[in-house]
Amino acid sequence: MKAFVIGAHGQIGQILVQKLLDRGDTVTGGYRRPDQQAPAAAPGFQAVTLDLSESIDQLAALLAGQDAVVFAAGSRGKDLLRVDLDGAIKAERATEQAGIKRFVMVSALNAEQPTTWPAALYDYYIAKYYADEWLKRNTDLDYVIIQPAALTNEAGQGTVTLDPGRQGSIPRADVAETIAAVLHGSAHRTTIKLASGPTPIGEAIN
C-alpha cells in the first residue's frame, strides 16, 4: 500500500504515519514545512511540502502514483474555510484527478446531523459537513469517512464501538489505528462513527 497522508504533522497524522510504516506500507507525508515538522528519515517514508492553497492541478501532481489518500489536516479553528473546507474539497478533487480511488476523510461525530452540533464548534462542523457532502455527492471516490467522538491523548486500547450515540470519547491512537485498518479493509463508500468500546478495531470495521 502506498498512502499519502495530508496533515501528517497533526496529532492523528503523526501517529498514523508510524502505524502505516509499522504495517510495511510506503508512506508519503504532506507537511507545510517538512524541514521543521517531518520526523527523521525512515525506510518507506518520504516527506513532501504540501500547501492546501495550491491549485488542484498542483495537488494532483503531488498525489500521483499513490494507492490511497488520507485527509487528516485541520486548522484547529484558525482557518476553517481554507483548510477544513476548501482544502478538503481540493484534496478530494485532486485525488480523483490523479486517478486514485481510495480516500479516507477524518471528520467529526454526527457531522451530517446539524441539530446535534455543539454551539462552541458550530463553524468547525459546518466545514466538516460540506466537505463530507461533497465527497459523497460529487465524487466517484472509494471513500470512507471516519467520524470520531471527542478526541483524547490517552493510550490506545485497540477496541471501539461504531454506535457511540452523542457521547463518548476516543484516543487519537485508536482513530489512527482505525484509519490504518480501513485502508487495508473491506469498508467502501461509507461513514464510520467511532468511540471507545469493547470490539477489536479490525473486527469492528470489517
Protein backbone atom coordinates (compact mmCIF):
# COMPACT_ATOMS: atom_id res chain seq x y z
CA MET A 1 0.00 0.00 0.00
CA LYS A 2 1.32 3.43 -0.96
CA ALA A 3 -0.52 6.00 1.14
CA PHE A 4 -0.36 9.79 1.17
CA VAL A 5 -1.23 11.43 4.50
CA ILE A 6 -2.42 15.04 4.19
CA GLY A 7 -1.91 16.66 7.56
CA ALA A 8 0.91 14.33 8.60
CA HIS A 9 2.07 16.80 11.26
CA GLY A 10 -1.29 16.77 13.04
CA GLN A 11 -1.79 14.75 16.19
CA ILE A 12 -3.62 11.93 14.39
CA GLY A 13 -1.40 12.25 11.32
CA GLN A 14 1.82 11.70 13.25
CA ILE A 15 0.51 8.52 14.83
CA LEU A 16 -0.97 7.29 11.55
CA VAL A 17 2.30 7.68 9.64
CA GLN A 18 4.09 5.46 12.15
CA LYS A 19 1.31 2.86 12.23
CA LEU A 20 1.32 2.58 8.44
CA LEU A 21 5.10 2.22 8.38
CA ASP A 22 4.86 -0.46 11.07
CA ARG A 23 2.49 -2.35 8.75
CA GLY A 24 5.06 -2.23 5.99
CA ASP A 25 3.29 0.39 3.88
CA THR A 26 5.05 3.08 1.87
CA VAL A 27 4.03 6.47 3.25
CA THR A 28 4.30 9.98 1.90
CA GLY A 29 3.59 12.67 4.47
CA GLY A 30 2.39 16.11 3.41
CA TYR A 31 3.75 18.97 5.56
CA ARG A 32 3.65 22.73 5.30
CA ARG A 33 7.29 22.87 6.48
CA PRO A 34 8.81 19.39 6.20
CA ASP A 35 12.24 20.61 7.31
CA GLN A 36 10.72 21.60 10.67
CA GLN A 37 7.78 19.21 11.04
CA ALA A 38 8.68 15.86 9.49
CA PRO A 39 10.13 13.02 11.57
CA ALA A 40 13.54 11.53 10.90
CA ALA A 41 14.05 9.67 7.65
CA ALA A 42 12.89 6.06 7.72
CA PRO A 43 12.64 3.23 5.19
CA GLY A 44 9.45 3.57 3.17
CA PHE A 45 8.82 7.15 4.26
CA GLN A 46 9.01 10.40 2.30
CA ALA A 47 8.18 13.91 3.47
CA VAL A 48 6.99 16.48 0.93
CA THR A 49 5.86 20.08 1.05
CA LEU A 50 2.08 20.40 0.77
CA ASP A 51 0.15 23.67 0.78
CA LEU A 52 -3.62 23.34 0.55
CA SER A 53 -3.83 26.79 -1.04
CA GLU A 54 -2.20 25.36 -4.18
CA SER A 55 -4.26 24.57 -7.25
CA ILE A 56 -6.00 21.23 -7.78
CA ASP A 57 -3.57 20.53 -10.65
CA GLN A 58 -0.59 21.05 -8.33
CA LEU A 59 -2.08 18.85 -5.64
CA ALA A 60 -2.93 16.12 -8.14
CA ALA A 61 0.65 16.08 -9.40
CA LEU A 62 1.86 15.69 -5.81
CA LEU A 63 -0.54 12.77 -5.15
CA ALA A 64 0.15 10.91 -8.40
CA GLY A 65 1.19 7.28 -8.02
CA GLN A 66 -0.40 6.68 -4.62
CA ASP A 67 -2.85 3.90 -3.80
CA ALA A 68 -4.75 5.89 -1.19
CA VAL A 69 -5.06 9.36 0.30
CA VAL A 70 -5.93 10.22 3.90
CA PHE A 71 -7.15 13.71 4.74
CA ALA A 72 -6.19 14.30 8.37
CA ALA A 73 -5.46 18.02 8.12
CA GLY A 74 -7.10 20.59 10.34
CA SER A 75 -6.58 24.24 11.18
CA ARG A 76 -7.65 23.90 14.84
CA GLY A 77 -10.21 26.61 14.16
CA LYS A 78 -7.70 29.09 12.76
CA ASP A 79 -8.56 28.79 9.06
CA LEU A 80 -11.67 26.65 8.71
CA LEU A 81 -12.64 27.84 5.25
CA ARG A 82 -9.25 27.45 3.58
CA VAL A 83 -8.14 24.24 5.28
CA ASP A 84 -11.03 22.25 6.74
CA LEU A 85 -13.49 23.07 3.93
CA ASP A 86 -11.81 24.27 0.74
CA GLY A 87 -8.62 22.31 1.43
CA ALA A 88 -10.59 19.11 1.97
CA ILE A 89 -12.61 19.51 -1.22
CA LYS A 90 -9.47 20.36 -3.19
CA ALA A 91 -7.89 17.18 -1.86
CA GLU A 92 -10.91 15.14 -2.93
CA ARG A 93 -10.88 16.62 -6.43
CA ALA A 94 -7.10 16.24 -6.74
CA THR A 95 -7.30 12.61 -5.66
CA GLU A 96 -9.79 11.91 -8.44
CA GLN A 97 -7.73 13.86 -10.96
CA ALA A 98 -4.67 11.81 -10.02
CA GLY A 99 -6.57 8.60 -10.77
CA ILE A 100 -6.59 7.40 -7.15
CA LYS A 101 -9.75 5.73 -5.86
CA ARG A 102 -9.25 5.15 -2.11
CA PHE A 103 -9.84 8.21 0.08
CA VAL A 104 -10.23 8.39 3.85
CA MET A 105 -11.62 11.56 5.43
CA VAL A 106 -11.21 12.36 9.11
CA SER A 107 -14.43 14.18 10.03
CA ALA A 108 -16.35 14.70 13.28
CA LEU A 109 -19.04 12.68 15.01
CA ASN A 110 -22.52 13.26 13.55
CA ALA A 111 -21.28 15.95 11.16
CA GLU A 112 -24.25 15.15 8.91
CA GLN A 113 -26.73 15.99 11.69
CA PRO A 114 -26.76 19.80 12.21
CA THR A 115 -29.21 19.59 15.12
CA THR A 116 -26.54 17.78 17.16
CA TRP A 117 -23.68 20.22 16.56
CA PRO A 118 -22.21 21.77 19.74
CA ALA A 119 -22.56 25.55 19.70
CA ALA A 120 -18.89 26.10 20.53
CA LEU A 121 -17.79 24.15 17.44
CA TYR A 122 -20.55 25.20 15.05
CA ASP A 123 -18.31 26.70 12.35
CA TYR A 124 -16.00 23.68 12.51
CA TYR A 125 -18.96 21.38 11.96
CA ILE A 126 -20.16 23.48 9.02
CA ALA A 127 -16.80 22.91 7.33
CA LYS A 128 -16.87 19.19 8.04
CA TYR A 129 -20.48 18.84 6.86
CA TYR A 130 -19.91 20.37 3.45
CA ALA A 131 -16.55 18.67 2.88
CA ASP A 132 -18.18 15.31 3.64
CA GLU A 133 -21.23 16.05 1.49
CA TRP A 134 -19.04 17.00 -1.49
CA LEU A 135 -17.16 13.72 -1.09
CA LYS A 136 -20.37 11.67 -1.02
CA ARG A 137 -22.35 13.51 -3.68
CA ASN A 138 -19.80 14.85 -6.17
CA THR A 139 -17.05 12.23 -6.43
CA ASP A 140 -16.72 8.62 -7.51
CA LEU A 141 -14.02 8.01 -4.92
CA ASP A 142 -14.00 4.81 -2.90
CA TYR A 143 -14.28 6.79 0.31
CA VAL A 144 -14.58 6.09 4.00
CA ILE A 145 -15.50 8.96 6.31
CA ILE A 146 -14.26 8.49 9.88
CA GLN A 147 -16.34 10.37 12.46
CA PRO A 148 -14.61 10.13 15.85
CA ALA A 149 -16.14 11.19 19.15
CA ALA A 150 -14.26 13.63 21.40
CA LEU A 151 -10.54 13.06 20.95
CA THR A 152 -8.14 12.34 23.81
CA ASN A 153 -4.41 11.72 24.09
CA GLU A 154 -4.80 8.62 26.23
CA ALA A 155 -3.06 5.41 25.21
CA GLY A 156 -4.88 3.48 22.51
CA GLN A 157 -6.89 0.47 23.63
CA GLY A 158 -7.33 -1.17 20.23
CA THR A 159 -11.09 -1.51 20.76
CA VAL A 160 -14.02 0.66 19.66
CA THR A 161 -17.77 0.95 19.25
CA LEU A 162 -19.40 2.00 16.00
CA ASP A 163 -22.54 3.08 17.83
CA PRO A 164 -21.38 5.92 20.09
CA GLY A 165 -24.61 7.92 20.20
CA ARG A 166 -23.88 11.56 21.01
CA GLN A 167 -21.43 10.94 23.82
CA GLY A 168 -18.15 9.22 24.33
CA SER A 169 -14.52 9.82 23.52
CA ILE A 170 -11.67 8.01 21.82
CA PRO A 171 -7.86 8.19 21.93
CA ARG A 172 -6.27 9.64 18.83
CA ALA A 173 -4.14 6.48 18.67
CA ASP A 174 -7.28 4.37 18.17
CA VAL A 175 -8.53 6.71 15.45
CA ALA A 176 -5.18 6.33 13.67
CA GLU A 177 -5.33 2.54 14.07
CA THR A 178 -8.85 2.54 12.62
CA ILE A 179 -7.70 4.55 9.59
CA ALA A 180 -4.82 2.13 9.02
CA ALA A 181 -7.22 -0.80 9.26
CA VAL A 182 -9.71 0.86 6.89
CA LEU A 183 -7.01 1.32 4.25
CA HIS A 184 -6.48 -2.45 4.29
CA GLY A 185 -10.09 -3.40 4.98
CA SER A 186 -13.38 -4.01 3.24
CA ALA A 187 -15.33 -0.83 4.11
CA HIS A 188 -16.36 1.09 0.99
CA ARG A 189 -18.26 4.34 0.39
CA THR A 190 -19.47 4.54 3.95
CA THR A 191 -19.29 6.58 7.15
CA ILE A 192 -17.89 5.05 10.32
CA LYS A 193 -18.85 6.61 13.65
CA LEU A 194 -16.26 5.88 16.28
CA ALA A 195 -15.78 5.94 20.04
CA SER A 196 -14.02 3.78 22.59
CA GLY A 197 -15.81 0.48 23.10
CA PRO A 198 -15.43 -3.28 23.51
CA THR A 199 -14.87 -4.51 19.94
CA PRO A 200 -11.39 -5.01 18.44
CA ILE A 201 -10.84 -2.44 15.70
CA GLY A 202 -10.25 -4.90 12.86
CA GLU A 203 -13.37 -6.87 13.75
CA ALA A 204 -15.49 -3.73 14.08
CA ILE A 205 -14.74 -2.19 10.72
CA ASN A 206 -14.82 -5.42 8.72
